[in-house]
Amino acid sequence: MTAGSFFDTNVLLYMYNEADARKQTRARELFLEHTGNGRLMLSTQVVQEFYEVGSRKLGLPRPVLRAAVSLLLDLPIVTVTPVHVMTAIELEERYQISFWDALIVAAANSGGAEVLYTEDLSDGQRYGPVMARNPFT
């Protein structure tokens, strides 16, 4: 994969969350920008979390979720493998981040992402070749 940016679940969820109009607008702009230039990738973990949180926390209707997941699955996807899990364990220890965040970093790195858009990690922090960016600051 040669995509240059990776989106964490929270960024995708803001596109559907009307509770914060500023973040919703920013997430949609960022998504359109990066899908338009073909430089966006996700992981199976991100798509699974999107579906689960979209259903449970946001209460999105099933047809909306199905359509959104279908759209997301058309993007370049990093399939999480045992290698990613072992890498995440190492990253969790090295950077003192949660295992789930480390798994996203591992997937972004293996996909060749240069930037990981997320609210969950320190803005500007490098995790090897991947830099975390908070798109809402």
C-alpha atoms as a PDB file:
ATOM      1  CA  MET A   1       0.000   0.000   0.000  1.00  0.00           C
ATOM      2  CA  THR A   2       1.211   3.478  -0.742  1.00  0.00           C
ATOM      3  CA  ALA A   3      -1.419   5.636   0.925  1.00  0.00           C
ATOM      4  CA  GLY A   4      -0.012   8.455   3.008  1.00  0.00           C
ATOM      5  CA  SER A   5      -2.655   8.961   5.696  1.00  0.00           C
ATOM      6  CA  PHE A   6      -4.466   6.715   8.137  1.00  0.00           C
ATOM      7  CA  PHE A   7      -7.671   7.623   9.974  1.00  0.00           C
ATOM      8  CA  ASP A   8      -8.469   6.467  13.487  1.00  0.00           C
ATOM      9  CA  THR A   9     -12.040   5.499  14.295  1.00  0.00           C
ATOM     10  CA  ASN A  10     -12.837   8.693  16.188  1.00  0.00           C
ATOM     11  CA  VAL A  11     -12.208  10.882  13.147  1.00  0.00           C
ATOM     12  CA  LEU A  12     -14.589   8.799  11.047  1.00  0.00           C
ATOM     13  CA  LEU A  13     -17.256   8.809  13.748  1.00  0.00           C
ATOM     14  CA  TYR A  14     -17.262  12.600  13.929  1.00  0.00           C
ATOM     15  CA  MET A  15     -18.521  12.665  10.338  1.00  0.00           C
ATOM     16  CA  TYR A  16     -21.791  11.204  11.671  1.00  0.00           C
ATOM     17  CA  ASN A  17     -21.908  12.844  15.098  1.00  0.00           C
ATOM     18  CA  GLU A  18     -24.044  15.971  15.118  1.00  0.00           C
ATOM     19  CA  ALA A  19     -23.157  16.834  18.733  1.00  0.00           C
ATOM     20  CA  ASP A  20     -20.115  18.856  17.627  1.00  0.00           C
ATOM     21  CA  ALA A  21     -20.703  20.687  14.334  1.00  0.00           C
ATOM     22  CA  ARG A  22     -17.128  22.005  14.144  1.00  0.00           C
ATOM     23  CA  LYS A  23     -15.607  18.536  14.448  1.00  0.00           C
ATOM     24  CA  GLN A  24     -18.187  17.061  12.107  1.00  0.00           C
ATOM     25  CA  THR A  25     -17.343  19.619   9.423  1.00  0.00           C
ATOM     26  CA  ARG A  26     -13.594  19.163   9.892  1.00  0.00           C
ATOM     27  CA  ALA A  27     -13.840  15.362   9.782  1.00  0.00           C
ATOM     28  CA  ARG A  28     -15.892  15.489   6.584  1.00  0.00           C
ATOM     29  CA  GLU A  29     -13.480  17.942   4.930  1.00  0.00           C
ATOM     30  CA  LEU A  30     -10.488  15.824   5.879  1.00  0.00           C
ATOM     31  CA  PHE A  31     -12.159  12.630   4.662  1.00  0.00           C
ATOM     32  CA  LEU A  32     -13.072  14.183   1.307  1.00  0.00           C
ATOM     33  CA  GLU A  33      -9.595  15.650   0.896  1.00  0.00           C
ATOM     34  CA  HIS A  34      -7.827  12.363   1.560  1.00  0.00           C
ATOM     35  CA  THR A  35     -10.214  10.122  -0.357  1.00  0.00           C
ATOM     36  CA  GLY A  36     -10.090  12.588  -3.243  1.00  0.00           C
ATOM     37  CA  ASN A  37      -6.320  12.343  -3.517  1.00  0.00           C
ATOM     38  CA  GLY A  38      -6.298   8.577  -2.945  1.00  0.00           C
ATOM     39  CA  ARG A  39      -4.057   8.782   0.104  1.00  0.00           C
ATOM     40  CA  LEU A  40      -6.390   7.446   2.799  1.00  0.00           C
ATOM     41  CA  MET A  41      -6.213   4.015   4.397  1.00  0.00           C
ATOM     42  CA  LEU A  42      -7.913   2.273   7.283  1.00  0.00           C
ATOM     43  CA  SER A  43      -7.580  -1.044   9.063  1.00  0.00           C
ATOM     44  CA  THR A  44     -10.034  -3.817   9.748  1.00  0.00           C
ATOM     45  CA  GLN A  45      -9.906  -2.749  13.407  1.00  0.00           C
ATOM     46  CA  VAL A  46     -10.987   0.799  12.543  1.00  0.00           C
ATOM     47  CA  VAL A  47     -13.915  -0.364  10.412  1.00  0.00           C
ATOM     48  CA  GLN A  48     -15.064  -2.815  13.097  1.00  0.00           C
ATOM     49  CA  GLU A  49     -14.854  -0.143  15.807  1.00  0.00           C
ATOM     50  CA  PHE A  50     -16.683   2.325  13.574  1.00  0.00           C
ATOM     51  CA  TYR A  51     -19.584  -0.078  13.168  1.00  0.00           C
ATOM     52  CA  GLU A  52     -19.751  -0.988  16.855  1.00  0.00           C
ATOM     53  CA  VAL A  53     -19.454   2.551  18.251  1.00  0.00           C
ATOM     54  CA  GLY A  54     -21.697   3.986  15.534  1.00  0.00           C
ATOM     55  CA  SER A  55     -24.365   1.528  16.562  1.00  0.00           C
ATOM     56  CA  ARG A  56     -23.945   1.506  20.331  1.00  0.00           C
ATOM     57  CA  LYS A  57     -22.935   5.078  21.186  1.00  0.00           C
ATOM     58  CA  LEU A  58     -24.229   7.148  18.285  1.00  0.00           C
ATOM     59  CA  GLY A  59     -27.337   5.063  17.658  1.00  0.00           C
ATOM     60  CA  LEU A  60     -26.957   5.322  13.891  1.00  0.00           C
ATOM     61  CA  PRO A  61     -29.626   3.414  11.987  1.00  0.00           C
ATOM     62  CA  ARG A  62     -28.471   0.062  10.577  1.00  0.00           C
ATOM     63  CA  PRO A  63     -28.967   1.123   6.924  1.00  0.00           C
ATOM     64  CA  VAL A  64     -26.758   4.185   7.506  1.00  0.00           C
ATOM     65  CA  LEU A  65     -24.113   2.048   9.199  1.00  0.00           C
ATOM     66  CA  ARG A  66     -24.186  -0.574   6.442  1.00  0.00           C
ATOM     67  CA  ALA A  67     -23.774   2.095   3.763  1.00  0.00           C
ATOM     68  CA  ALA A  68     -20.942   3.787   5.671  1.00  0.00           C
ATOM     69  CA  VAL A  69     -19.115   0.515   6.288  1.00  0.00           C
ATOM     70  CA  SER A  70     -19.501  -0.423   2.634  1.00  0.00           C
ATOM     71  CA  LEU A  71     -17.940   2.908   1.656  1.00  0.00           C
ATOM     72  CA  LEU A  72     -15.088   2.459   4.139  1.00  0.00           C
ATOM     73  CA  LEU A  73     -14.360  -1.059   2.920  1.00  0.00           C
ATOM     74  CA  ASP A  74     -13.826   0.300  -0.591  1.00  0.00           C
ATOM     75  CA  LEU A  75     -10.789   2.209   0.678  1.00  0.00           C
ATOM     76  CA  PRO A  76      -7.331   0.655   1.035  1.00  0.00           C
ATOM     77  CA  ILE A  77      -7.554  -1.601   4.102  1.00  0.00           C
ATOM     78  CA  VAL A  78      -4.789  -3.012   6.273  1.00  0.00           C
ATOM     79  CA  THR A  79      -5.960  -6.393   7.525  1.00  0.00           C
ATOM     80  CA  VAL A  80      -4.835  -6.832  11.116  1.00  0.00           C
ATOM     81  CA  THR A  81      -2.717  -9.975  11.424  1.00  0.00           C
ATOM     82  CA  PRO A  82      -0.798 -11.726  14.201  1.00  0.00           C
ATOM     83  CA  VAL A  83       2.276  -9.702  13.204  1.00  0.00           C
ATOM     84  CA  HIS A  84       0.357  -6.484  13.903  1.00  0.00           C
ATOM     85  CA  VAL A  85      -0.695  -7.798  17.305  1.00  0.00           C
ATOM     86  CA  MET A  86       2.896  -8.598  18.278  1.00  0.00           C
ATOM     87  CA  THR A  87       4.099  -5.230  16.961  1.00  0.00           C
ATOM     88  CA  ALA A  88       1.348  -3.499  18.947  1.00  0.00           C
ATOM     89  CA  ILE A  89       2.538  -5.184  22.132  1.00  0.00           C
ATOM     90  CA  GLU A  90       6.027  -3.801  21.503  1.00  0.00           C
ATOM     91  CA  LEU A  91       4.679  -0.321  20.676  1.00  0.00           C
ATOM     92  CA  GLU A  92       2.471  -0.317  23.769  1.00  0.00           C
ATOM     93  CA  GLU A  93       5.518  -0.945  25.938  1.00  0.00           C
ATOM     94  CA  ARG A  94       7.835   1.430  24.076  1.00  0.00           C
ATOM     95  CA  TYR A  95       5.474   4.417  23.930  1.00  0.00           C
ATOM     96  CA  GLN A  96       3.286   3.736  26.976  1.00  0.00           C
ATOM     97  CA  ILE A  97       0.070   3.891  24.945  1.00  0.00           C
ATOM     98  CA  SER A  98      -2.962   1.631  25.033  1.00  0.00           C
ATOM     99  CA  PHE A  99      -2.808  -1.666  23.192  1.00  0.00           C
ATOM    100  CA  TRP A 100      -5.664  -0.573  20.882  1.00  0.00           C
ATOM    101  CA  ASP A 101      -3.882   2.663  19.959  1.00  0.00           C
ATOM    102  CA  ALA A 102      -0.671   0.698  19.424  1.00  0.00           C
ATOM    103  CA  LEU A 103      -2.519  -1.684  17.099  1.00  0.00           C
ATOM    104  CA  ILE A 104      -3.680   1.281  15.030  1.00  0.00           C
ATOM    105  CA  VAL A 105      -0.115   2.634  14.906  1.00  0.00           C
ATOM    106  CA  ALA A 106       1.132  -0.812  13.830  1.00  0.00           C
ATOM    107  CA  ALA A 107      -1.440  -0.975  11.027  1.00  0.00           C
ATOM    108  CA  ALA A 108      -0.680   2.579   9.887  1.00  0.00           C
ATOM    109  CA  ASN A 109       3.023   1.831   9.832  1.00  0.00           C
ATOM    110  CA  SER A 110       2.652  -1.427   7.918  1.00  0.00           C
ATOM    111  CA  GLY A 111       0.438   0.301   5.354  1.00  0.00           C
ATOM    112  CA  GLY A 112       3.038   2.978   4.726  1.00  0.00           C
ATOM    113  CA  ALA A 113       1.135   5.865   6.294  1.00  0.00           C
ATOM    114  CA  GLU A 114       3.085   8.997   7.106  1.00  0.00           C
ATOM    115  CA  VAL A 115       0.310  10.588   9.178  1.00  0.00           C
ATOM    116  CA  LEU A 116      -2.202   9.073  11.587  1.00  0.00           C
ATOM    117  CA  TYR A 117      -5.203  11.336  12.209  1.00  0.00           C
ATOM    118  CA  THR A 118      -6.458  10.718  15.741  1.00  0.00           C
ATOM    119  CA  GLU A 119      -7.571  12.428  18.928  1.00  0.00           C
ATOM    120  CA  ASP A 120      -6.216   9.623  21.077  1.00  0.00           C
ATOM    121  CA  LEU A 121      -2.475  10.224  20.742  1.00  0.00           C
ATOM    122  CA  SER A 122      -0.290  13.276  21.325  1.00  0.00           C
ATOM    123  CA  ASP A 123      -0.430  15.691  18.399  1.00  0.00           C
ATOM    124  CA  GLY A 124       2.925  15.763  16.628  1.00  0.00           C
ATOM    125  CA  GLN A 125       4.267  12.651  18.368  1.00  0.00           C
ATOM    126  CA  ARG A 126       6.224  10.291  16.131  1.00  0.00           C
ATOM    127  CA  TYR A 127       5.717   6.570  16.440  1.00  0.00           C
ATOM    128  CA  GLY A 128       8.525   5.425  14.203  1.00  0.00           C
ATOM    129  CA  PRO A 129       7.787   6.729  10.706  1.00  0.00           C
ATOM    130  CA  VAL A 130       4.166   7.592  11.574  1.00  0.00           C
ATOM    131  CA  MET A 131       3.275  11.003  13.011  1.00  0.00           C
ATOM    132  CA  ALA A 132       0.066  11.422  15.018  1.00  0.00           C
ATOM    133  CA  ARG A 133      -1.988  14.498  14.141  1.00  0.00           C
ATOM    134  CA  ASN A 134      -5.069  15.723  15.942  1.00  0.00           C
ATOM    135  CA  PRO A 135      -7.178  17.256  13.174  1.00  0.00           C
ATOM    136  CA  PHE A 136      -9.318  19.159  15.657  1.00  0.00           C
ATOM    137  CA  THR A 137      -6.658  21.295  17.380  1.00  0.00           C
END
